[in-house]
Amino acid sequence: MNWQAFTLTAELATLTSLILLVLGVPVALWVAFSRQRWKFLLEALVAMPLVLPPTVLGFYLLVAFGSGTVLGRWYQRVAGSTLAFTFRGLVVASVVYSLPFAVQPMAAAFRGVDQKLIDAARTLGVTKRTIYRRIVVPLAWPGMITGMVLSFAHTVGEFGVVLMVGGNIPGATRTLSIDIYDQVQGLNYASANQTALVLLIFSYFLLCLLYGLNRRALLWGSR
């Protein structure tokens, strides 16, 4: 077991899920309640990582992080280095790649909040921001937890985007999925099996936790 890759993967997944919690909630609220006619354009943009091959998304992110783009040159002036082949670049790429896994469950949970509660708050003169903060978000917490768990698990299993954007630098960008690939390429199947088994058990545990929490939330809501 490559504990260095394990630690890096855990750190990457944790940062990604926390960032997506902060960024995903306002995006999901807008997707759930906006009545703009062009809303479908943003929804399609957010959902694109679901249908794009990871190598395609990774390639364009790699290009965007390079010194040939406005973003790449700006970051290079600020940080003194490019985002490509760095841990920070992996975090940005993981946030983009896992965005729909956070936003879609959150948006579905926000839509599921009883509209009567929202209408009652509006008749009492409560502002839209307060309604979201005091009613919608607290009642939709199972969907928010689902979004965080799915984005965490999805980041742990990333391969194509990680390889394209971060490469394979030990201690910097080599995650568990890259480590398994290296072990298989080196015909070290025993080590690859050990790491893969850990990820398999971890994924099963996360899904059990997720379904258990959602079941508890449904029982609580029915009461």
C-alpha atoms as a PDB file:
ATOM      1  CA  MET A   1       0.000   0.000   0.000  1.00  0.00           C
ATOM      2  CA  ASN A   2       1.415   3.354  -1.066  1.00  0.00           C
ATOM      3  CA  TRP A   3       0.566   5.483   1.977  1.00  0.00           C
ATOM      4  CA  GLN A   4       1.959   8.619   0.348  1.00  0.00           C
ATOM      5  CA  ALA A   5      -0.532   8.235  -2.509  1.00  0.00           C
ATOM      6  CA  PHE A   6      -3.265   7.390   0.011  1.00  0.00           C
ATOM      7  CA  THR A   7      -2.640  10.590   1.994  1.00  0.00           C
ATOM      8  CA  LEU A   8      -2.517  12.713  -1.141  1.00  0.00           C
ATOM      9  CA  THR A   9      -5.745  11.185  -2.461  1.00  0.00           C
ATOM     10  CA  ALA A  10      -7.548  11.756   0.858  1.00  0.00           C
ATOM     11  CA  GLU A  11      -6.371  15.362   0.958  1.00  0.00           C
ATOM     12  CA  LEU A  12      -7.427  15.954  -2.640  1.00  0.00           C
ATOM     13  CA  ALA A  13     -10.878  14.424  -2.136  1.00  0.00           C
ATOM     14  CA  THR A  14     -11.471  16.325   1.112  1.00  0.00           C
ATOM     15  CA  LEU A  15     -10.500  19.697  -0.365  1.00  0.00           C
ATOM     16  CA  THR A  16     -12.566  19.052  -3.477  1.00  0.00           C
ATOM     17  CA  SER A  17     -15.723  18.106  -1.547  1.00  0.00           C
ATOM     18  CA  LEU A  18     -15.402  21.105   0.791  1.00  0.00           C
ATOM     19  CA  ILE A  19     -14.895  23.526  -2.109  1.00  0.00           C
ATOM     20  CA  LEU A  20     -17.856  21.993  -3.923  1.00  0.00           C
ATOM     21  CA  LEU A  21     -20.005  22.438  -0.821  1.00  0.00           C
ATOM     22  CA  VAL A  22     -19.250  26.164  -0.875  1.00  0.00           C
ATOM     23  CA  LEU A  23     -19.569  26.573  -4.648  1.00  0.00           C
ATOM     24  CA  GLY A  24     -22.260  23.976  -5.247  1.00  0.00           C
ATOM     25  CA  VAL A  25     -24.935  25.305  -2.894  1.00  0.00           C
ATOM     26  CA  PRO A  26     -25.451  28.681  -4.648  1.00  0.00           C
ATOM     27  CA  VAL A  27     -25.241  27.050  -8.086  1.00  0.00           C
ATOM     28  CA  ALA A  28     -27.751  24.371  -7.060  1.00  0.00           C
ATOM     29  CA  LEU A  29     -30.096  26.975  -5.572  1.00  0.00           C
ATOM     30  CA  TRP A  30     -30.021  28.921  -8.809  1.00  0.00           C
ATOM     31  CA  VAL A  31     -30.595  25.787 -10.887  1.00  0.00           C
ATOM     32  CA  ALA A  32     -33.480  24.711  -8.638  1.00  0.00           C
ATOM     33  CA  PHE A  33     -35.358  28.014  -8.424  1.00  0.00           C
ATOM     34  CA  SER A  34     -34.322  30.200 -11.341  1.00  0.00           C
ATOM     35  CA  ARG A  35     -36.965  30.840 -13.975  1.00  0.00           C
ATOM     36  CA  GLN A  36     -34.602  32.185 -16.590  1.00  0.00           C
ATOM     37  CA  ARG A  37     -35.401  30.814 -20.035  1.00  0.00           C
ATOM     38  CA  TRP A  38     -31.713  30.195 -20.743  1.00  0.00           C
ATOM     39  CA  LYS A  39     -31.210  28.212 -17.512  1.00  0.00           C
ATOM     40  CA  PHE A  40     -30.792  25.009 -19.499  1.00  0.00           C
ATOM     41  CA  LEU A  41     -27.544  26.369 -20.946  1.00  0.00           C
ATOM     42  CA  LEU A  42     -25.940  26.546 -17.502  1.00  0.00           C
ATOM     43  CA  GLU A  43     -27.421  23.182 -16.508  1.00  0.00           C
ATOM     44  CA  ALA A  44     -25.872  21.596 -19.597  1.00  0.00           C
ATOM     45  CA  LEU A  45     -22.517  23.241 -18.859  1.00  0.00           C
ATOM     46  CA  VAL A  46     -22.509  21.958 -15.278  1.00  0.00           C
ATOM     47  CA  ALA A  47     -23.465  18.441 -16.418  1.00  0.00           C
ATOM     48  CA  MET A  48     -20.873  18.220 -19.213  1.00  0.00           C
ATOM     49  CA  PRO A  49     -18.288  16.289 -17.126  1.00  0.00           C
ATOM     50  CA  LEU A  50     -20.847  13.463 -16.907  1.00  0.00           C
ATOM     51  CA  VAL A  51     -20.696  12.831 -20.656  1.00  0.00           C
ATOM     52  CA  LEU A  52     -17.255  14.100 -21.634  1.00  0.00           C
ATOM     53  CA  PRO A  53     -14.422  11.556 -21.730  1.00  0.00           C
ATOM     54  CA  PRO A  54     -12.079  12.378 -18.827  1.00  0.00           C
ATOM     55  CA  THR A  55      -9.121  12.687 -21.193  1.00  0.00           C
ATOM     56  CA  VAL A  56     -10.951  15.349 -23.225  1.00  0.00           C
ATOM     57  CA  LEU A  57     -11.761  17.397 -20.140  1.00  0.00           C
ATOM     58  CA  GLY A  58      -8.245  16.851 -18.810  1.00  0.00           C
ATOM     59  CA  PHE A  59      -6.687  17.959 -22.092  1.00  0.00           C
ATOM     60  CA  TYR A  60      -8.585  21.250 -22.209  1.00  0.00           C
ATOM     61  CA  LEU A  61      -7.874  21.935 -18.546  1.00  0.00           C
ATOM     62  CA  LEU A  62      -4.195  21.264 -19.203  1.00  0.00           C
ATOM     63  CA  VAL A  63      -4.283  23.753 -22.071  1.00  0.00           C
ATOM     64  CA  ALA A  64      -6.126  26.303 -19.914  1.00  0.00           C
ATOM     65  CA  PHE A  65      -3.531  25.951 -17.160  1.00  0.00           C
ATOM     66  CA  GLY A  66      -0.635  26.553 -19.546  1.00  0.00           C
ATOM     67  CA  SER A  67       1.148  29.828 -20.201  1.00  0.00           C
ATOM     68  CA  GLY A  68      -0.605  30.205 -23.552  1.00  0.00           C
ATOM     69  CA  THR A  69      -3.926  31.283 -22.016  1.00  0.00           C
ATOM     70  CA  VAL A  70      -5.065  34.318 -20.041  1.00  0.00           C
ATOM     71  CA  LEU A  71      -5.799  32.178 -16.971  1.00  0.00           C
ATOM     72  CA  GLY A  72      -2.447  30.428 -17.166  1.00  0.00           C
ATOM     73  CA  ARG A  73      -0.455  33.666 -17.576  1.00  0.00           C
ATOM     74  CA  TRP A  74      -2.371  35.355 -14.753  1.00  0.00           C
ATOM     75  CA  TYR A  75      -1.759  32.490 -12.355  1.00  0.00           C
ATOM     76  CA  GLN A  76       1.892  32.313 -13.350  1.00  0.00           C
ATOM     77  CA  ARG A  77       2.333  36.003 -12.573  1.00  0.00           C
ATOM     78  CA  VAL A  78       0.626  35.613  -9.195  1.00  0.00           C
ATOM     79  CA  ALA A  79       2.102  32.282  -8.055  1.00  0.00           C
ATOM     80  CA  GLY A  80       5.326  32.147 -10.059  1.00  0.00           C
ATOM     81  CA  SER A  81       4.437  28.747 -11.567  1.00  0.00           C
ATOM     82  CA  THR A  82       1.754  27.110 -13.683  1.00  0.00           C
ATOM     83  CA  LEU A  83      -1.154  25.072 -12.374  1.00  0.00           C
ATOM     84  CA  ALA A  84      -0.298  22.125 -14.598  1.00  0.00           C
ATOM     85  CA  PHE A  85       1.418  19.165 -12.916  1.00  0.00           C
ATOM     86  CA  THR A  86       0.840  20.563  -9.417  1.00  0.00           C
ATOM     87  CA  PHE A  87      -1.430  19.573  -6.539  1.00  0.00           C
ATOM     88  CA  ARG A  88      -3.288  22.879  -6.818  1.00  0.00           C
ATOM     89  CA  GLY A  89      -3.975  22.102 -10.448  1.00  0.00           C
ATOM     90  CA  LEU A  90      -5.389  18.733  -9.412  1.00  0.00           C
ATOM     91  CA  VAL A  91      -7.727  20.459  -6.945  1.00  0.00           C
ATOM     92  CA  VAL A  92      -9.050  22.841  -9.607  1.00  0.00           C
ATOM     93  CA  ALA A  93      -9.461  20.016 -12.126  1.00  0.00           C
ATOM     94  CA  SER A  94     -11.201  17.815  -9.544  1.00  0.00           C
ATOM     95  CA  VAL A  95     -13.647  20.589  -8.659  1.00  0.00           C
ATOM     96  CA  VAL A  96     -14.579  21.000 -12.325  1.00  0.00           C
ATOM     97  CA  TYR A  97     -14.781  17.249 -12.933  1.00  0.00           C
ATOM     98  CA  SER A  98     -16.892  16.475  -9.831  1.00  0.00           C
ATOM     99  CA  LEU A  99     -19.134  19.561 -10.026  1.00  0.00           C
ATOM    100  CA  PRO A 100     -22.241  17.768 -11.379  1.00  0.00           C
ATOM    101  CA  PHE A 101     -21.948  15.069  -8.697  1.00  0.00           C
ATOM    102  CA  ALA A 102     -22.382  17.804  -6.080  1.00  0.00           C
ATOM    103  CA  VAL A 103     -24.814  20.160  -7.821  1.00  0.00           C
ATOM    104  CA  GLN A 104     -27.395  17.698  -9.135  1.00  0.00           C
ATOM    105  CA  PRO A 105     -28.252  15.982  -5.799  1.00  0.00           C
ATOM    106  CA  MET A 106     -28.343  19.381  -4.086  1.00  0.00           C
ATOM    107  CA  ALA A 107     -30.625  20.881  -6.743  1.00  0.00           C
ATOM    108  CA  ALA A 108     -32.962  17.884  -6.540  1.00  0.00           C
ATOM    109  CA  ALA A 109     -33.132  18.234  -2.748  1.00  0.00           C
ATOM    110  CA  PHE A 110     -33.830  21.979  -2.986  1.00  0.00           C
ATOM    111  CA  ARG A 111     -36.656  21.329  -5.456  1.00  0.00           C
ATOM    112  CA  GLY A 112     -38.095  18.773  -3.038  1.00  0.00           C
ATOM    113  CA  VAL A 113     -38.682  21.332  -0.275  1.00  0.00           C
ATOM    114  CA  ASP A 114     -42.402  21.895   0.277  1.00  0.00           C
ATOM    115  CA  GLN A 115     -43.399  24.933  -1.764  1.00  0.00           C
ATOM    116  CA  LYS A 116     -46.082  25.794   0.817  1.00  0.00           C
ATOM    117  CA  LEU A 117     -43.382  26.585   3.380  1.00  0.00           C
ATOM    118  CA  ILE A 118     -41.652  28.916   0.938  1.00  0.00           C
ATOM    119  CA  ASP A 119     -44.923  30.634  -0.018  1.00  0.00           C
ATOM    120  CA  ALA A 120     -45.851  31.078   3.643  1.00  0.00           C
ATOM    121  CA  ALA A 121     -42.493  32.710   4.374  1.00  0.00           C
ATOM    122  CA  ARG A 122     -42.946  35.056   1.423  1.00  0.00           C
ATOM    123  CA  THR A 123     -46.380  36.153   2.626  1.00  0.00           C
ATOM    124  CA  LEU A 124     -44.750  37.066   5.955  1.00  0.00           C
ATOM    125  CA  GLY A 125     -42.295  39.340   4.171  1.00  0.00           C
ATOM    126  CA  VAL A 126     -39.216  37.127   4.571  1.00  0.00           C
ATOM    127  CA  THR A 127     -36.474  37.918   2.047  1.00  0.00           C
ATOM    128  CA  LYS A 128     -35.424  35.391  -0.556  1.00  0.00           C
ATOM    129  CA  ARG A 129     -31.953  35.049   0.949  1.00  0.00           C
ATOM    130  CA  THR A 130     -33.397  34.348   4.402  1.00  0.00           C
ATOM    131  CA  ILE A 131     -35.799  31.776   2.950  1.00  0.00           C
ATOM    132  CA  TYR A 132     -32.884  29.943   1.364  1.00  0.00           C
ATOM    133  CA  ARG A 133     -30.756  30.179   4.503  1.00  0.00           C
ATOM    134  CA  ARG A 134     -33.392  29.376   7.146  1.00  0.00           C
ATOM    135  CA  ILE A 135     -35.809  27.058   5.305  1.00  0.00           C
ATOM    136  CA  VAL A 136     -34.562  25.554   2.048  1.00  0.00           C
ATOM    137  CA  VAL A 137     -30.980  24.690   2.960  1.00  0.00           C
ATOM    138  CA  PRO A 138     -31.732  23.175   6.407  1.00  0.00           C
ATOM    139  CA  LEU A 139     -34.539  21.009   4.979  1.00  0.00           C
ATOM    140  CA  ALA A 140     -32.395  19.837   2.058  1.00  0.00           C
ATOM    141  CA  TRP A 141     -29.421  18.637   4.117  1.00  0.00           C
ATOM    142  CA  PRO A 142     -29.692  14.986   2.925  1.00  0.00           C
ATOM    143  CA  GLY A 143     -29.122  16.144  -0.650  1.00  0.00           C
ATOM    144  CA  MET A 144     -26.167  18.267   0.419  1.00  0.00           C
ATOM    145  CA  ILE A 145     -24.600  15.305   2.212  1.00  0.00           C
ATOM    146  CA  THR A 146     -25.229  13.158  -0.869  1.00  0.00           C
ATOM    147  CA  GLY A 147     -23.479  15.732  -3.048  1.00  0.00           C
ATOM    148  CA  MET A 148     -20.461  15.875  -0.749  1.00  0.00           C
ATOM    149  CA  VAL A 149     -20.160  12.085  -0.449  1.00  0.00           C
ATOM    150  CA  LEU A 150     -20.509  11.536  -4.195  1.00  0.00           C
ATOM    151  CA  SER A 151     -17.978  14.244  -5.040  1.00  0.00           C
ATOM    152  CA  PHE A 152     -15.555  12.825  -2.452  1.00  0.00           C
ATOM    153  CA  ALA A 153     -15.888   9.273  -3.791  1.00  0.00           C
ATOM    154  CA  HIS A 154     -15.687  10.443  -7.386  1.00  0.00           C
ATOM    155  CA  THR A 155     -12.477  12.347  -6.686  1.00  0.00           C
ATOM    156  CA  VAL A 156     -10.922   9.316  -4.986  1.00  0.00           C
ATOM    157  CA  GLY A 157     -11.480   7.272  -8.141  1.00  0.00           C
ATOM    158  CA  GLU A 158     -10.316   9.859 -10.681  1.00  0.00           C
ATOM    159  CA  PHE A 159      -7.847   8.662 -13.273  1.00  0.00           C
ATOM    160  CA  GLY A 160      -8.035  10.315 -16.687  1.00  0.00           C
ATOM    161  CA  VAL A 161      -8.271  13.924 -15.541  1.00  0.00           C
ATOM    162  CA  VAL A 162      -5.633  13.388 -12.844  1.00  0.00           C
ATOM    163  CA  LEU A 163      -3.213  11.807 -15.299  1.00  0.00           C
ATOM    164  CA  MET A 164      -3.701  14.519 -17.919  1.00  0.00           C
ATOM    165  CA  VAL A 165      -3.501  17.507 -15.575  1.00  0.00           C
ATOM    166  CA  GLY A 166      -1.162  16.247 -12.864  1.00  0.00           C
ATOM    167  CA  GLY A 167       0.906  13.594 -14.531  1.00  0.00           C
ATOM    168  CA  ASN A 168       2.517  11.053 -12.242  1.00  0.00           C
ATOM    169  CA  ILE A 169       4.747  12.873  -9.769  1.00  0.00           C
ATOM    170  CA  PRO A 170       5.344  10.953  -6.512  1.00  0.00           C
ATOM    171  CA  GLY A 171       4.265  12.939  -3.467  1.00  0.00           C
ATOM    172  CA  ALA A 172       2.737  15.693  -5.593  1.00  0.00           C
ATOM    173  CA  THR A 173       0.212  14.306  -8.074  1.00  0.00           C
ATOM    174  CA  ARG A 174       0.360  10.496  -7.837  1.00  0.00           C
ATOM    175  CA  THR A 175      -3.015   9.428  -6.478  1.00  0.00           C
ATOM    176  CA  LEU A 176      -4.174   5.907  -5.630  1.00  0.00           C
ATOM    177  CA  SER A 177      -5.733   5.352  -9.046  1.00  0.00           C
ATOM    178  CA  ILE A 178      -2.444   6.313 -10.732  1.00  0.00           C
ATOM    179  CA  ASP A 179      -0.559   4.098  -8.294  1.00  0.00           C
ATOM    180  CA  ILE A 180      -2.725   1.097  -9.207  1.00  0.00           C
ATOM    181  CA  TYR A 181      -2.033   1.755 -12.890  1.00  0.00           C
ATOM    182  CA  ASP A 182       1.714   1.908 -12.195  1.00  0.00           C
ATOM    183  CA  GLN A 183       1.622  -1.350 -10.261  1.00  0.00           C
ATOM    184  CA  VAL A 184      -0.233  -3.119 -13.075  1.00  0.00           C
ATOM    185  CA  GLN A 185       2.173  -1.745 -15.662  1.00  0.00           C
ATOM    186  CA  GLY A 186       5.026  -3.105 -13.549  1.00  0.00           C
ATOM    187  CA  LEU A 187       3.252  -6.505 -13.304  1.00  0.00           C
ATOM    188  CA  ASN A 188       3.049  -6.090  -9.522  1.00  0.00           C
ATOM    189  CA  TYR A 189      -0.453  -7.501  -9.296  1.00  0.00           C
ATOM    190  CA  ALA A 190      -0.320  -8.302  -5.580  1.00  0.00           C
ATOM    191  CA  SER A 191       0.299  -4.673  -4.656  1.00  0.00           C
ATOM    192  CA  ALA A 192      -2.278  -3.472  -7.183  1.00  0.00           C
ATOM    193  CA  ASN A 193      -4.843  -5.884  -5.759  1.00  0.00           C
ATOM    194  CA  GLN A 194      -4.165  -4.655  -2.218  1.00  0.00           C
ATOM    195  CA  THR A 195      -4.752  -1.016  -3.151  1.00  0.00           C
ATOM    196  CA  ALA A 196      -7.756  -1.839  -5.327  1.00  0.00           C
ATOM    197  CA  LEU A 197      -9.310  -3.878  -2.519  1.00  0.00           C
ATOM    198  CA  VAL A 198      -8.927  -0.957  -0.109  1.00  0.00           C
ATOM    199  CA  LEU A 199     -10.696   1.338  -2.594  1.00  0.00           C
ATOM    200  CA  LEU A 200     -13.416  -1.249  -3.160  1.00  0.00           C
ATOM    201  CA  ILE A 201     -14.147  -1.590   0.560  1.00  0.00           C
ATOM    202  CA  PHE A 202     -13.966   2.181   1.039  1.00  0.00           C
ATOM    203  CA  SER A 203     -16.413   2.824  -1.812  1.00  0.00           C
ATOM    204  CA  TYR A 204     -18.849   0.246  -0.457  1.00  0.00           C
ATOM    205  CA  PHE A 205     -18.642   1.786   3.013  1.00  0.00           C
ATOM    206  CA  LEU A 206     -19.332   5.281   1.635  1.00  0.00           C
ATOM    207  CA  LEU A 207     -22.371   4.070  -0.300  1.00  0.00           C
ATOM    208  CA  CYS A 208     -23.726   2.229   2.754  1.00  0.00           C
ATOM    209  CA  LEU A 209     -23.262   5.391   4.796  1.00  0.00           C
ATOM    210  CA  LEU A 210     -24.980   7.475   2.130  1.00  0.00           C
ATOM    211  CA  TYR A 211     -27.996   5.182   1.767  1.00  0.00           C
ATOM    212  CA  GLY A 212     -28.253   4.808   5.536  1.00  0.00           C
ATOM    213  CA  LEU A 213     -28.331   8.569   6.062  1.00  0.00           C
ATOM    214  CA  ASN A 214     -30.894   9.052   3.289  1.00  0.00           C
ATOM    215  CA  ARG A 215     -33.105   6.318   4.772  1.00  0.00           C
ATOM    216  CA  ARG A 216     -32.895   7.955   8.192  1.00  0.00           C
ATOM    217  CA  ALA A 217     -33.762  11.329   6.626  1.00  0.00           C
ATOM    218  CA  LEU A 218     -36.836   9.817   4.930  1.00  0.00           C
ATOM    219  CA  LEU A 219     -38.005   8.236   8.171  1.00  0.00           C
ATOM    220  CA  TRP A 220     -37.470  11.501  10.020  1.00  0.00           C
ATOM    221  CA  GLY A 221     -39.362  13.413   7.349  1.00  0.00           C
ATOM    222  CA  SER A 222     -42.304  11.001   7.444  1.00  0.00           C
ATOM    223  CA  ARG A 223     -42.659  11.605  11.166  1.00  0.00           C
END
